[in-house]
Amino acid sequence: MTLARRTGCRPFDFERADERAAMGYLLGLIVERDREIAPSDPPLMLSALVNYLGANDAGAGFYQLAKELRLLPVSASADEKLGFWAGQVKRIHARHGAGSARA
Protein backbone atom coordinates (compact mmCIF):
# COMPACT_ATOMS: atom_id res chain seq x y z
CA MET A 1 0.00 0.00 0.00
CA THR A 2 2.85 2.38 0.71
CA LEU A 3 4.21 1.94 -2.82
CA ALA A 4 0.76 2.63 -4.29
CA ARG A 5 0.23 5.67 -2.07
CA ARG A 6 3.61 7.17 -2.89
CA THR A 7 3.49 6.52 -6.64
CA GLY A 8 -0.21 7.00 -7.31
CA CYS A 9 -0.29 3.59 -9.03
CA ARG A 10 -2.75 0.89 -8.10
CA PRO A 11 -1.51 -1.59 -5.48
CA PHE A 12 -0.22 -5.03 -6.41
CA ASP A 13 -2.76 -7.81 -5.93
CA PHE A 14 -0.73 -10.49 -4.14
CA GLU A 15 -3.59 -12.97 -4.54
CA ARG A 16 -2.56 -13.18 -8.22
CA ALA A 17 0.54 -15.17 -9.20
CA ASP A 18 1.37 -12.79 -12.06
CA GLU A 19 1.35 -9.79 -9.75
CA ARG A 20 3.52 -11.55 -7.16
CA ALA A 21 5.91 -12.35 -10.01
CA ALA A 22 5.83 -8.71 -11.14
CA MET A 23 6.82 -7.55 -7.65
CA GLY A 24 9.67 -10.08 -7.65
CA TYR A 25 10.81 -8.82 -11.03
CA LEU A 26 10.71 -5.21 -9.81
CA LEU A 27 12.74 -6.07 -6.70
CA GLY A 28 15.27 -7.93 -8.84
CA LEU A 29 15.68 -4.87 -11.06
CA ILE A 30 16.26 -2.69 -8.01
CA VAL A 31 19.04 -5.00 -6.84
CA GLU A 32 20.58 -5.11 -10.32
CA ARG A 33 20.50 -1.34 -10.86
CA ASP A 34 21.84 -0.59 -7.38
CA ARG A 35 24.75 -2.96 -7.98
CA GLU A 36 25.53 -1.07 -11.22
CA ILE A 37 25.47 2.44 -9.73
CA ALA A 38 26.74 1.77 -6.21
CA PRO A 39 28.91 -1.35 -6.19
CA SER A 40 29.94 -2.55 -2.76
CA ASP A 41 32.10 -5.31 -1.40
CA PRO A 42 30.50 -7.55 -0.39
CA PRO A 43 27.49 -6.74 -2.59
CA LEU A 44 24.26 -5.43 -1.10
CA MET A 45 20.73 -6.44 -2.03
CA LEU A 46 18.41 -3.50 -1.37
CA SER A 47 15.43 -5.83 -1.64
CA ALA A 48 16.39 -7.15 1.81
CA LEU A 49 14.34 -4.25 3.18
CA VAL A 50 11.13 -5.75 1.77
CA ASN A 51 9.55 -8.28 4.11
CA TYR A 52 7.58 -11.19 2.76
CA LEU A 53 3.86 -10.64 3.32
CA GLY A 54 3.02 -11.72 6.87
CA ALA A 55 6.61 -12.65 7.73
CA ASN A 56 9.53 -11.03 9.49
CA ASP A 57 12.14 -11.70 6.82
CA ALA A 58 12.56 -11.77 3.06
CA GLY A 59 10.71 -14.11 0.73
CA ALA A 60 11.94 -17.11 -1.23
CA GLY A 61 12.70 -14.93 -4.27
CA PHE A 62 15.20 -12.89 -2.28
CA TYR A 63 17.11 -15.98 -1.25
CA GLN A 64 16.94 -17.45 -4.75
CA LEU A 65 18.42 -14.26 -6.22
CA ALA A 66 21.14 -14.28 -3.56
CA LYS A 67 22.01 -17.81 -4.64
CA GLU A 68 22.02 -16.84 -8.32
CA LEU A 69 24.35 -13.93 -7.51
CA ARG A 70 26.54 -16.38 -5.55
CA LEU A 71 26.10 -14.42 -2.35
CA LEU A 72 24.49 -17.35 -0.57
CA PRO A 73 25.33 -21.05 -0.92
CA VAL A 74 22.81 -23.09 -2.90
CA SER A 75 22.46 -25.45 0.05
CA ALA A 76 22.08 -22.68 2.65
CA SER A 77 20.26 -23.70 5.81
CA ALA A 78 17.40 -21.68 7.29
CA ASP A 79 19.84 -20.22 9.84
CA GLU A 80 22.31 -19.24 7.10
CA LYS A 81 19.53 -17.56 5.14
CA LEU A 82 18.33 -15.64 8.16
CA GLY A 83 21.89 -14.57 9.01
CA PHE A 84 22.49 -13.45 5.42
CA TRP A 85 19.26 -11.44 5.35
CA ALA A 86 19.95 -9.81 8.73
CA GLY A 87 23.48 -8.92 7.62
CA GLN A 88 22.15 -7.35 4.42
CA VAL A 89 19.62 -5.25 6.35
CA LYS A 90 22.29 -4.10 8.81
CA ARG A 91 24.69 -3.12 6.02
CA ILE A 92 21.97 -1.30 4.08
CA HIS A 93 21.11 0.75 7.17
CA ALA A 94 24.80 1.52 7.65
CA ARG A 95 25.10 2.63 4.03
CA HIS A 96 21.83 4.56 3.72
CA GLY A 97 20.72 5.20 7.29
CA ALA A 98 20.26 8.60 8.89
CA GLY A 99 23.83 8.70 10.18
CA SER A 100 25.51 7.67 6.92
CA ALA A 101 27.29 10.02 4.56
CA ARG A 102 25.08 8.83 1.68
CA ALA A 103 21.72 9.37 3.41
PDB file of N, CA and C in Angstrom:
ATOM      1  N   MET A   1       0.809  -1.197   0.000  1.00  0.00           N
ATOM      2  CA  MET A   1       0.000   0.000   0.000  1.00  0.00           C
ATOM      3  C   MET A   1       0.852   1.261   0.000  1.00  0.00           C
ATOM      4  N   THR A   2       1.984   1.205   0.672  1.00  0.00           N
ATOM      5  CA  THR A   2       2.848   2.380   0.711  1.00  0.00           C
ATOM      6  C   THR A   2       3.333   2.733  -0.690  1.00  0.00           C
ATOM      7  N   LEU A   3       3.744   1.710  -1.450  1.00  0.00           N
ATOM      8  CA  LEU A   3       4.208   1.940  -2.820  1.00  0.00           C
ATOM      9  C   LEU A   3       3.099   2.582  -3.653  1.00  0.00           C
ATOM     10  N   ALA A   4       1.891   2.071  -3.534  1.00  0.00           N
ATOM     11  CA  ALA A   4       0.761   2.628  -4.286  1.00  0.00           C
ATOM     12  C   ALA A   4       0.483   4.069  -3.864  1.00  0.00           C
ATOM     13  N   ARG A   5       0.505   4.323  -2.577  1.00  0.00           N
ATOM     14  CA  ARG A   5       0.227   5.675  -2.069  1.00  0.00           C
ATOM     15  C   ARG A   5       1.287   6.662  -2.552  1.00  0.00           C
ATOM     16  N   ARG A   6       2.536   6.252  -2.520  1.00  0.00           N
ATOM     17  CA  ARG A   6       3.613   7.175  -2.891  1.00  0.00           C
ATOM     18  C   ARG A   6       3.743   7.388  -4.389  1.00  0.00           C
ATOM     19  N   THR A   7       3.350   6.397  -5.189  1.00  0.00           N
ATOM     20  CA  THR A   7       3.491   6.517  -6.639  1.00  0.00           C
ATOM     21  C   THR A   7       2.212   6.922  -7.339  1.00  0.00           C
ATOM     22  N   GLY A   8       1.067   6.739  -6.678  1.00  0.00           N
ATOM     23  CA  GLY A   8      -0.206   7.003  -7.315  1.00  0.00           C
ATOM     24  C   GLY A   8      -0.675   5.860  -8.205  1.00  0.00           C
ATOM     25  N   CYS A   9       0.090   4.775  -8.251  1.00  0.00           N
ATOM     26  CA  CYS A   9      -0.286   3.591  -9.031  1.00  0.00           C
ATOM     27  C   CYS A   9      -1.163   2.684  -8.178  1.00  0.00           C
ATOM     28  N   ARG A  10      -1.912   1.821  -8.842  1.00  0.00           N
ATOM     29  CA  ARG A  10      -2.748   0.887  -8.098  1.00  0.00           C
ATOM     30  C   ARG A  10      -1.858  -0.110  -7.363  1.00  0.00           C
ATOM     31  N   PRO A  11      -2.320  -0.632  -6.242  1.00  0.00           N
ATOM     32  CA  PRO A  11      -1.505  -1.590  -5.484  1.00  0.00           C
ATOM     33  C   PRO A  11      -1.418  -2.940  -6.193  1.00  0.00           C
ATOM     34  N   PHE A  12      -0.349  -3.668  -5.912  1.00  0.00           N
ATOM     35  CA  PHE A  12      -0.218  -5.029  -6.412  1.00  0.00           C
ATOM     36  C   PHE A  12      -1.276  -5.893  -5.733  1.00  0.00           C
ATOM     37  N   ASP A  13      -1.805  -6.844  -6.474  1.00  0.00           N
ATOM     38  CA  ASP A  13      -2.760  -7.810  -5.933  1.00  0.00           C
ATOM     39  C   ASP A  13      -1.990  -9.109  -5.693  1.00  0.00           C
ATOM     40  N   PHE A  14      -1.574  -9.341  -4.451  1.00  0.00           N
ATOM     41  CA  PHE A  14      -0.729 -10.490  -4.143  1.00  0.00           C
ATOM     42  C   PHE A  14      -1.507 -11.802  -4.123  1.00  0.00           C
ATOM     43  N   GLU A  15      -2.806 -11.740  -4.364  1.00  0.00           N
ATOM     44  CA  GLU A  15      -3.586 -12.965  -4.539  1.00  0.00           C
ATOM     45  C   GLU A  15      -3.335 -13.558  -5.923  1.00  0.00           C
ATOM     46  N   ARG A  16      -2.811 -12.745  -6.836  1.00  0.00           N
ATOM     47  CA  ARG A  16      -2.562 -13.181  -8.216  1.00  0.00           C
ATOM     48  C   ARG A  16      -1.089 -13.529  -8.406  1.00  0.00           C
ATOM     49  N   ALA A  17      -0.832 -14.703  -8.972  1.00  0.00           N
ATOM     50  CA  ALA A  17       0.540 -15.166  -9.201  1.00  0.00           C
ATOM     51  C   ALA A  17       1.316 -14.219 -10.110  1.00  0.00           C
ATOM     52  N   ASP A  18       0.665 -13.680 -11.138  1.00  0.00           N
ATOM     53  CA  ASP A  18       1.373 -12.793 -12.058  1.00  0.00           C
ATOM     54  C   ASP A  18       1.788 -11.492 -11.380  1.00  0.00           C
ATOM     55  N   GLU A  19       0.997 -11.027 -10.436  1.00  0.00           N
ATOM     56  CA  GLU A  19       1.353  -9.789  -9.751  1.00  0.00           C
ATOM     57  C   GLU A  19       2.421 -10.025  -8.688  1.00  0.00           C
ATOM     58  N   ARG A  20       2.414 -11.195  -8.060  1.00  0.00           N
ATOM     59  CA  ARG A  20       3.520 -11.548  -7.158  1.00  0.00           C
ATOM     60  C   ARG A  20       4.816 -11.640  -7.955  1.00  0.00           C
ATOM     61  N   ALA A  21       4.734 -12.237  -9.147  1.00  0.00           N
ATOM     62  CA  ALA A  21       5.912 -12.347 -10.009  1.00  0.00           C
ATOM     63  C   ALA A  21       6.387 -10.964 -10.454  1.00  0.00           C
ATOM     64  N   ALA A  22       5.463 -10.067 -10.727  1.00  0.00           N
ATOM     65  CA  ALA A  22       5.827  -8.709 -11.142  1.00  0.00           C
ATOM     66  C   ALA A  22       6.574  -7.985 -10.022  1.00  0.00           C
ATOM     67  N   MET A  23       6.118  -8.158  -8.789  1.00  0.00           N
ATOM     68  CA  MET A  23       6.820  -7.547  -7.653  1.00  0.00           C
ATOM     69  C   MET A  23       8.224  -8.132  -7.541  1.00  0.00           C
ATOM     70  N   GLY A  24       8.352  -9.442  -7.687  1.00  0.00           N
ATOM     71  CA  GLY A  24       9.669 -10.077  -7.648  1.00  0.00           C
ATOM     72  C   GLY A  24      10.580  -9.546  -8.734  1.00  0.00           C
ATOM     73  N   TYR A  25      10.035  -9.365  -9.922  1.00  0.00           N
ATOM     74  CA  TYR A  25      10.807  -8.817 -11.032  1.00  0.00           C
ATOM     75  C   TYR A  25      11.281  -7.395 -10.711  1.00  0.00           C
ATOM     76  N   LEU A  26      10.377  -6.584 -10.189  1.00  0.00           N
ATOM     77  CA  LEU A  26      10.711  -5.208  -9.811  1.00  0.00           C
ATOM     78  C   LEU A  26      11.819  -5.180  -8.757  1.00  0.00           C
ATOM     79  N   LEU A  27      11.719  -6.025  -7.752  1.00  0.00           N
ATOM     80  CA  LEU A  27      12.744  -6.067  -6.705  1.00  0.00           C
ATOM     81  C   LEU A  27      14.083  -6.532  -7.267  1.00  0.00           C
ATOM     82  N   GLY A  28      14.047  -7.484  -8.194  1.00  0.00           N
ATOM     83  CA  GLY A  28      15.272  -7.929  -8.841  1.00  0.00           C
ATOM     84  C   GLY A  28      15.944  -6.811  -9.627  1.00  0.00           C
ATOM     85  N   LEU A  29      15.134  -6.014 -10.320  1.00  0.00           N
ATOM     86  CA  LEU A  29      15.682  -4.868 -11.061  1.00  0.00           C
ATOM     87  C   LEU A  29      16.318  -3.849 -10.122  1.00  0.00           C
ATOM     88  N   ILE A  30      15.698  -3.631  -8.986  1.00  0.00           N
ATOM     89  CA  ILE A  30      16.257  -2.689  -8.010  1.00  0.00           C
ATOM     90  C   ILE A  30      17.628  -3.166  -7.553  1.00  0.00           C
ATOM     91  N   VAL A  31      17.748  -4.449  -7.259  1.00  0.00           N
ATOM     92  CA  VAL A  31      19.043  -5.003  -6.840  1.00  0.00           C
ATOM     93  C   VAL A  31      20.065  -4.837  -7.958  1.00  0.00           C
ATOM     94  N   GLU A  32      19.669  -5.191  -9.170  1.00  0.00           N
ATOM     95  CA  GLU A  32      20.576  -5.109 -10.323  1.00  0.00           C
ATOM     96  C   GLU A  32      21.058  -3.674 -10.562  1.00  0.00           C
ATOM     97  N   ARG A  33      20.131  -2.743 -10.580  1.00  0.00           N
ATOM     98  CA  ARG A  33      20.502  -1.343 -10.857  1.00  0.00           C
ATOM     99  C   ARG A  33      21.346  -0.752  -9.737  1.00  0.00           C
ATOM    100  N   ASP A  34      21.037  -1.085  -8.492  1.00  0.00           N
ATOM    101  CA  ASP A  34      21.838  -0.585  -7.381  1.00  0.00           C
ATOM    102  C   ASP A  34      23.268  -1.119  -7.467  1.00  0.00           C
ATOM    103  N   ARG A  35      23.406  -2.370  -7.853  1.00  0.00           N
ATOM    104  CA  ARG A  35      24.748  -2.961  -7.984  1.00  0.00           C
ATOM    105  C   ARG A  35      25.541  -2.274  -9.086  1.00  0.00           C
ATOM    106  N   GLU A  36      24.852  -1.767 -10.119  1.00  0.00           N
ATOM    107  CA  GLU A  36      25.525  -1.069 -11.216  1.00  0.00           C
ATOM    108  C   GLU A  36      25.987   0.320 -10.789  1.00  0.00           C
ATOM    109  N   ILE A  37      25.149   1.046 -10.051  1.00  0.00           N
ATOM    110  CA  ILE A  37      25.467   2.435  -9.734  1.00  0.00           C
ATOM    111  C   ILE A  37      26.215   2.605  -8.416  1.00  0.00           C
ATOM    112  N   ALA A  38      26.090   1.643  -7.520  1.00  0.00           N
ATOM    113  CA  ALA A  38      26.742   1.766  -6.207  1.00  0.00           C
ATOM    114  C   ALA A  38      27.339   0.419  -5.799  1.00  0.00           C
ATOM    115  N   PRO A  39      28.339  -0.046  -6.553  1.00  0.00           N
ATOM    116  CA  PRO A  39      28.914  -1.347  -6.195  1.00  0.00           C
ATOM    117  C   PRO A  39      29.496  -1.325  -4.783  1.00  0.00           C
ATOM    118  N   SER A  40      29.389  -2.436  -4.107  1.00  0.00           N
ATOM    119  CA  SER A  40      29.937  -2.549  -2.758  1.00  0.00           C
ATOM    120  C   SER A  40      30.559  -3.927  -2.602  1.00  0.00           C
ATOM    121  N   ASP A  41      31.441  -4.035  -1.651  1.00  0.00           N
ATOM    122  CA  ASP A  41      32.103  -5.308  -1.401  1.00  0.00           C
ATOM    123  C   ASP A  41      31.988  -5.635   0.075  1.00  0.00           C
ATOM    124  N   PRO A  42      31.278  -6.665   0.464  1.00  0.00           N
ATOM    125  CA  PRO A  42      30.496  -7.548  -0.389  1.00  0.00           C
ATOM    126  C   PRO A  42      29.230  -6.859  -0.888  1.00  0.00           C
ATOM    127  N   PRO A  43      28.662  -7.388  -1.978  1.00  0.00           N
ATOM    128  CA  PRO A  43      27.492  -6.742  -2.590  1.00  0.00           C
ATOM    129  C   PRO A  43      26.287  -6.665  -1.649  1.00  0.00           C
ATOM    130  N   LEU A  44      25.504  -5.615  -1.850  1.00  0.00           N
ATOM    131  CA  LEU A  44      24.262  -5.425  -1.101  1.00  0.00           C
ATOM    132  C   LEU A  44      23.063  -5.749  -1.977  1.00  0.00           C
ATOM    133  N   MET A  45      22.000  -6.207  -1.348  1.00  0.00           N
ATOM    134  CA  MET A  45      20.729  -6.442  -2.028  1.00  0.00           C
ATOM    135  C   MET A  45      19.680  -5.565  -1.348  1.00  0.00           C
ATOM    136  N   LEU A  46      19.379  -4.426  -1.965  1.00  0.00           N
ATOM    137  CA  LEU A  46      18.414  -3.501  -1.366  1.00  0.00           C
ATOM    138  C   LEU A  46      17.065  -4.145  -1.100  1.00  0.00           C
ATOM    139  N   SER A  47      16.730  -5.178  -1.840  1.00  0.00           N
ATOM    140  CA  SER A  47      15.432  -5.833  -1.642  1.00  0.00           C
ATOM    141  C   SER A  47      15.338  -6.519  -0.289  1.00  0.00           C
ATOM    142  N   ALA A  48      16.425  -6.583   0.456  1.00  0.00           N
ATOM    143  CA  ALA A  48      16.389  -7.148   1.810  1.00  0.00           C
ATOM    144  C   ALA A  48      15.455  -6.353   2.712  1.00  0.00           C
ATOM    145  N   LEU A  49      15.202  -5.099   2.360  1.00  0.00           N
ATOM    146  CA  LEU A  49      14.345  -4.253   3.182  1.00  0.00           C
ATOM    147  C   LEU A  49      12.859  -4.570   3.016  1.00  0.00           C
ATOM    148  N   VAL A  50      12.524  -5.399   2.032  1.00  0.00           N
ATOM    149  CA  VAL A  50      11.126  -5.754   1.770  1.00  0.00           C
ATOM    150  C   VAL A  50      10.824  -7.081   2.446  1.00  0.00           C
ATOM    151  N   ASN A  51       9.937  -7.049   3.413  1.00  0.00           N
ATOM    152  CA  ASN A  51       9.545  -8.279   4.109  1.00  0.00           C
ATOM    153  C   ASN A  51       8.488  -9.026   3.319  1.00  0.00           C
ATOM    154  N   TYR A  52       8.588 -10.335   3.368  1.00  0.00           N
ATOM    155  CA  TYR A  52       7.580 -11.187   2.757  1.00  0.00           C
ATOM    156  C   TYR A  52       6.265 -10.954   3.494  1.00  0.00           C
ATOM    157  N   LEU A  53       5.175 -10.931   2.756  1.00  0.00           N
ATOM    158  CA  LEU A  53       3.865 -10.644   3.322  1.00  0.00           C
ATOM    159  C   LEU A  53       3.563 -11.556   4.507  1.00  0.00           C
ATOM    160  N   GLY A  54       3.349 -10.972   5.666  1.00  0.00           N
ATOM    161  CA  GLY A  54       3.018 -11.724   6.869  1.00  0.00           C
ATOM    162  C   GLY A  54       4.202 -12.375   7.551  1.00  0.00           C
ATOM    163  N   ALA A  55       5.420 -12.035   7.140  1.00  0.00           N
ATOM    164  CA  ALA A  55       6.614 -12.647   7.733  1.00  0.00           C
ATOM    165  C   ALA A  55       7.547 -11.559   8.243  1.00  0.00           C
ATOM    166  N   ASN A  56       8.558 -11.972   8.965  1.00  0.00           N
ATOM    167  CA  ASN A  56       9.532 -11.027   9.495  1.00  0.00           C
ATOM    168  C   ASN A  56      10.905 -11.244   8.851  1.00  0.00           C
ATOM    169  N   ASP A  57      10.900 -11.610   7.594  1.00  0.00           N
ATOM    170  CA  ASP A  57      12.138 -11.699   6.821  1.00  0.00           C
ATOM    171  C   ASP A  57      11.778 -11.636   5.347  1.00  0.00           C
ATOM    172  N   ALA A  58      12.774 -11.851   4.499  1.00  0.00           N
ATOM    173  CA  ALA A  58      12.563 -11.774   3.058  1.00  0.00           C
ATOM    174  C   ALA A  58      11.862 -13.037   2.552  1.00  0.00           C
ATOM    175  N   GLY A  59      11.375 -12.971   1.335  1.00  0.00           N
ATOM    176  CA  GLY A  59      10.715 -14.114   0.728  1.00  0.00           C
ATOM    177  C   GLY A  59      11.676 -15.022  -0.008  1.00  0.00           C
ATOM    178  N   ALA A  60      11.135 -16.106  -0.525  1.00  0.00           N
ATOM    179  CA  ALA A  60      11.945 -17.106  -1.227  1.00  0.00           C
ATOM    180  C   ALA A  60      12.672 -16.509  -2.426  1.00  0.00           C
ATOM    181  N   GLY A  61      12.061 -15.558  -3.116  1.00  0.00           N
ATOM    182  CA  GLY A  61      12.697 -14.932  -4.275  1.00  0.00           C
ATOM    183  C   GLY A  61      13.982 -14.202  -3.913  1.00  0.00           C
ATOM    184  N   PHE A  62      14.002 -13.573  -2.749  1.00  0.00           N
ATOM    185  CA  PHE A  62      15.203 -12.888  -2.275  1.00  0.00           C
ATOM    186  C   PHE A  62      16.352 -13.876  -2.128  1.00  0.00           C
ATOM    187  N   TYR A  63      16.062 -14.994  -1.475  1.00  0.00           N
ATOM    188  CA  TYR A  63      17.106 -15.984  -1.246  1.00  0.00           C
ATOM    189  C   TYR A  63      17.528 -16.658  -2.548  1.00  0.00           C
ATOM    190  N   GLN A  64      16.594 -16.857  -3.462  1.00  0.00           N
ATOM    191  CA  GLN A  64      16.939 -17.445  -4.753  1.00  0.00           C
ATOM    192  C   GLN A  64      17.863 -16.513  -5.532  1.00  0.00           C
ATOM    193  N   LEU A  65      17.564 -15.222  -5.535  1.00  0.00           N
ATOM    194  CA  LEU A  65      18.421 -14.262  -6.222  1.00  0.00           C
ATOM    195  C   LEU A  65      19.791 -14.218  -5.572  1.00  0.00           C
ATOM    196  N   ALA A  66      19.844 -14.265  -4.263  1.00  0.00           N
ATOM    197  CA  ALA A  66      21.136 -14.276  -3.565  1.00  0.00           C
ATOM    198  C   ALA A  66      21.963 -15.488  -3.982  1.00  0.00           C
ATOM    199  N   LYS A  67      21.308 -16.610  -4.173  1.00  0.00           N
ATOM    200  CA  LYS A  67      22.013 -17.815  -4.641  1.00  0.00           C
ATOM    201  C   LYS A  67      22.490 -17.631  -6.076  1.00  0.00           C
ATOM    202  N   GLU A  68      21.643 -17.076  -6.926  1.00  0.00           N
ATOM    203  CA  GLU A  68      22.018 -16.839  -8.322  1.00  0.00           C
ATOM    204  C   GLU A  68      23.192 -15.875  -8.428  1.00  0.00           C
ATOM    205  N   LEU A  69      23.252 -14.907  -7.530  1.00  0.00           N
ATOM    206  CA  LEU A  69      24.350 -13.933  -7.509  1.00  0.00           C
ATOM    207  C   LEU A  69      25.578 -14.473  -6.772  1.00  0.00           C
ATOM    208  N   ARG A  70      25.468 -15.695  -6.287  1.00  0.00           N
ATOM    209  CA  ARG A  70      26.540 -16.377  -5.552  1.00  0.00           C
ATOM    210  C   ARG A  70      26.915 -15.650  -4.257  1.00  0.00           C
ATOM    211  N   LEU A  71      25.901 -15.072  -3.636  1.00  0.00           N
ATOM    212  CA  LEU A  71      26.095 -14.415  -2.349  1.00  0.00           C
ATOM    213  C   LEU A  71      25.705 -15.332  -1.206  1.00  0.00           C
ATOM    214  N   LEU A  72      24.998 -16.402  -1.539  1.00  0.00           N
ATOM    215  CA  LEU A  72      24.486 -17.354  -0.566  1.00  0.00           C
ATOM    216  C   LEU A  72      24.658 -18.746  -1.158  1.00  0.00           C
ATOM    217  N   PRO A  73      25.161 -19.697  -0.381  1.00  0.00           N
ATOM    218  CA  PRO A  73      25.333 -21.054  -0.915  1.00  0.00           C
ATOM    219  C   PRO A  73      23.992 -21.657  -1.354  1.00  0.00           C
ATOM    220  N   VAL A  74      24.025 -22.447  -2.400  1.00  0.00           N
ATOM    221  CA  VAL A  74      22.814 -23.094  -2.904  1.00  0.00           C
ATOM    222  C   VAL A  74      22.165 -23.948  -1.825  1.00  0.00           C
ATOM    223  N   SER A  75      22.982 -24.561  -0.997  1.00  0.00           N
ATOM    224  CA  SER A  75      22.463 -25.453   0.048  1.00  0.00           C
ATOM    225  C   SER A  75      22.326 -24.756   1.404  1.00  0.00           C
ATOM    226  N   ALA A  76      22.157 -23.438   1.402  1.00  0.00           N
ATOM    227  CA  ALA A  76      22.085 -22.676   2.655  1.00  0.00           C
ATOM    228  C   ALA A  76      20.958 -23.171   3.545  1.00  0.00           C
ATOM    229  N   SER A  77      21.263 -23.299   4.828  1.00  0.00           N
ATOM    230  CA  SER A  77      20.260 -23.697   5.813  1.00  0.00           C
ATOM    231  C   SER A  77      19.365 -22.496   6.141  1.00  0.00           C
ATOM    232  N   ALA A  78      18.294 -22.764   6.857  1.00  0.00           N
ATOM    233  CA  ALA A  78      17.401 -21.684   7.292  1.00  0.00           C
ATOM    234  C   ALA A  78      18.159 -20.665   8.135  1.00  0.00           C
ATOM    235  N   ASP A  79      19.051 -21.135   9.008  1.00  0.00           N
ATOM    236  CA  ASP A  79      19.838 -20.217   9.844  1.00  0.00           C
ATOM    237  C   ASP A  79      20.793 -19.381   8.995  1.00  0.00           C
ATOM    238  N   GLU A  80      21.410 -19.989   7.986  1.00  0.00           N
ATOM    239  CA  GLU A  80      22.311 -19.244   7.102  1.00  0.00           C
ATOM    240  C   GLU A  80      21.545 -18.181   6.323  1.00  0.00           C
ATOM    241  N   LYS A  81      20.357 -18.531   5.866  1.00  0.00           N
ATOM    242  CA  LYS A  81      19.531 -17.564   5.137  1.00  0.00           C
ATOM    243  C   LYS A  81      19.164 -16.390   6.034  1.00  0.00           C
ATOM    244  N   LEU A  82      18.712 -16.693   7.231  1.00  0.00           N
ATOM    245  CA  LEU A  82      18.326 -15.637   8.163  1.00  0.00           C
ATOM    246  C   LEU A  82      19.517 -14.745   8.499  1.00  0.00           C
ATOM    247  N   GLY A  83      20.678 -15.344   8.724  1.00  0.00           N
ATOM    248  CA  GLY A  83      21.885 -14.568   9.005  1.00  0.00           C
ATOM    249  C   GLY A  83      22.285 -13.690   7.833  1.00  0.00           C
ATOM    250  N   PHE A  84      22.178 -14.230   6.627  1.00  0.00           N
ATOM    251  CA  PHE A  84      22.493 -13.447   5.424  1.00  0.00           C
ATOM    252  C   PHE A  84      21.550 -12.258   5.305  1.00  0.00           C
ATOM    253  N   TRP A  85      20.245 -12.522   5.460  1.00  0.00           N
ATOM    254  CA  TRP A  85      19.260 -11.443   5.351  1.00  0.00           C
ATOM    255  C   TRP A  85      19.513 -10.360   6.410  1.00  0.00           C
ATOM    256  N   ALA A  86      19.714 -10.779   7.647  1.00  0.00           N
ATOM    257  CA  ALA A  86      19.946  -9.808   8.726  1.00  0.00           C
ATOM    258  C   ALA A  86      21.208  -8.991   8.458  1.00  0.00           C
ATOM    259  N   GLY A  87      22.243  -9.626   7.955  1.00  0.00           N
ATOM    260  CA  GLY A  87      23.477  -8.920   7.620  1.00  0.00           C
ATOM    261  C   GLY A  87      23.256  -7.904   6.512  1.00  0.00           C
ATOM    262  N   GLN A  88      22.452  -8.276   5.510  1.00  0.00           N
ATOM    263  CA  GLN A  88      22.150  -7.346   4.424  1.00  0.00           C
ATOM    264  C   GLN A  88      21.401  -6.121   4.960  1.00  0.00           C
ATOM    265  N   VAL A  89      20.398  -6.362   5.793  1.00  0.00           N
ATOM    266  CA  VAL A  89      19.617  -5.250   6.348  1.00  0.00           C
ATOM    267  C   VAL A  89      20.524  -4.327   7.162  1.00  0.00           C
ATOM    268  N   LYS A  90      21.371  -4.902   7.978  1.00  0.00           N
ATOM    269  CA  LYS A  90      22.288  -4.105   8.806  1.00  0.00           C
ATOM    270  C   LYS A  90      23.218  -3.261   7.938  1.00  0.00           C
ATOM    271  N   ARG A  91      23.768  -3.851   6.891  1.00  0.00           N
ATOM    272  CA  ARG A  91      24.695  -3.122   6.020  1.00  0.00           C
ATOM    273  C   ARG A  91      23.980  -2.042   5.212  1.00  0.00           C
ATOM    274  N   ILE A  92      22.734  -2.313   4.814  1.00  0.00           N
ATOM    275  CA  ILE A  92      21.970  -1.298   4.083  1.00  0.00           C
ATOM    276  C   ILE A  92      21.705  -0.094   4.984  1.00  0.00           C
ATOM    277  N   HIS A  93      21.333  -0.360   6.231  1.00  0.00           N
ATOM    278  CA  HIS A  93      21.108   0.752   7.172  1.00  0.00           C
ATOM    279  C   HIS A  93      22.396   1.522   7.415  1.00  0.00           C
ATOM    280  N   ALA A  94      23.517   0.837   7.468  1.00  0.00           N
ATOM    281  CA  ALA A  94      24.802   1.522   7.650  1.00  0.00           C
ATOM    282  C   ALA A  94      25.125   2.391   6.438  1.00  0.00           C
ATOM    283  N   ARG A  95      24.796   1.891   5.257  1.00  0.00           N
ATOM    284  CA  ARG A  95      25.104   2.631   4.029  1.00  0.00           C
ATOM    285  C   ARG A  95      24.135   3.772   3.781  1.00  0.00           C
ATOM    286  N   HIS A  96      22.858   3.574   4.076  1.00  0.00           N
ATOM    287  CA  HIS A  96      21.831   4.557   3.716  1.00  0.00           C
ATOM    288  C   HIS A  96      21.112   5.167   4.915  1.00  0.00           C
ATOM    289  N   GLY A  97      21.435   4.731   6.111  1.00  0.00           N
ATOM    290  CA  GLY A  97      20.723   5.204   7.294  1.00  0.00           C
ATOM    291  C   GLY A  97      20.956   6.673   7.581  1.00  0.00           C
ATOM    292  N   ALA A  98      20.233   7.173   8.550  1.00  0.00           N
ATOM    293  CA  ALA A  98      20.257   8.600   8.891  1.00  0.00           C
ATOM    294  C   ALA A  98      21.658   9.103   9.224  1.00  0.00           C
ATOM    295  N   GLY A  99      22.504   8.255   9.794  1.00  0.00           N
ATOM    296  CA  GLY A  99      23.833   8.698  10.176  1.00  0.00           C
ATOM    297  C   GLY A  99      24.888   8.495   9.116  1.00  0.00           C
ATOM    298  N   SER A 100      24.508   7.960   7.937  1.00  0.00           N
ATOM    299  CA  SER A 100      25.508   7.671   6.919  1.00  0.00           C
ATOM    300  C   SER A 100      25.779   8.910   6.067  1.00  0.00           C
ATOM    301  N   ALA A 101      26.919   8.904   5.424  1.00  0.00           N
ATOM    302  CA  ALA A 101      27.292  10.021   4.558  1.00  0.00           C
ATOM    303  C   ALA A 101      26.455  10.059   3.291  1.00  0.00           C
ATOM    304  N   ARG A 102      25.854   8.909   2.916  1.00  0.00           N
ATOM    305  CA  ARG A 102      25.083   8.828   1.681  1.00  0.00           C
ATOM    306  C   ARG A 102      23.598   9.055   1.898  1.00  0.00           C
ATOM    307  N   ALA A 103      23.162   9.219   3.129  1.00  0.00           N
ATOM    308  CA  ALA A 103      21.723   9.370   3.409  1.00  0.00           C
ATOM    309  C   ALA A 103      21.179  10.652   2.862  1.00  0.00           C
TER     310      ALA A 103
END
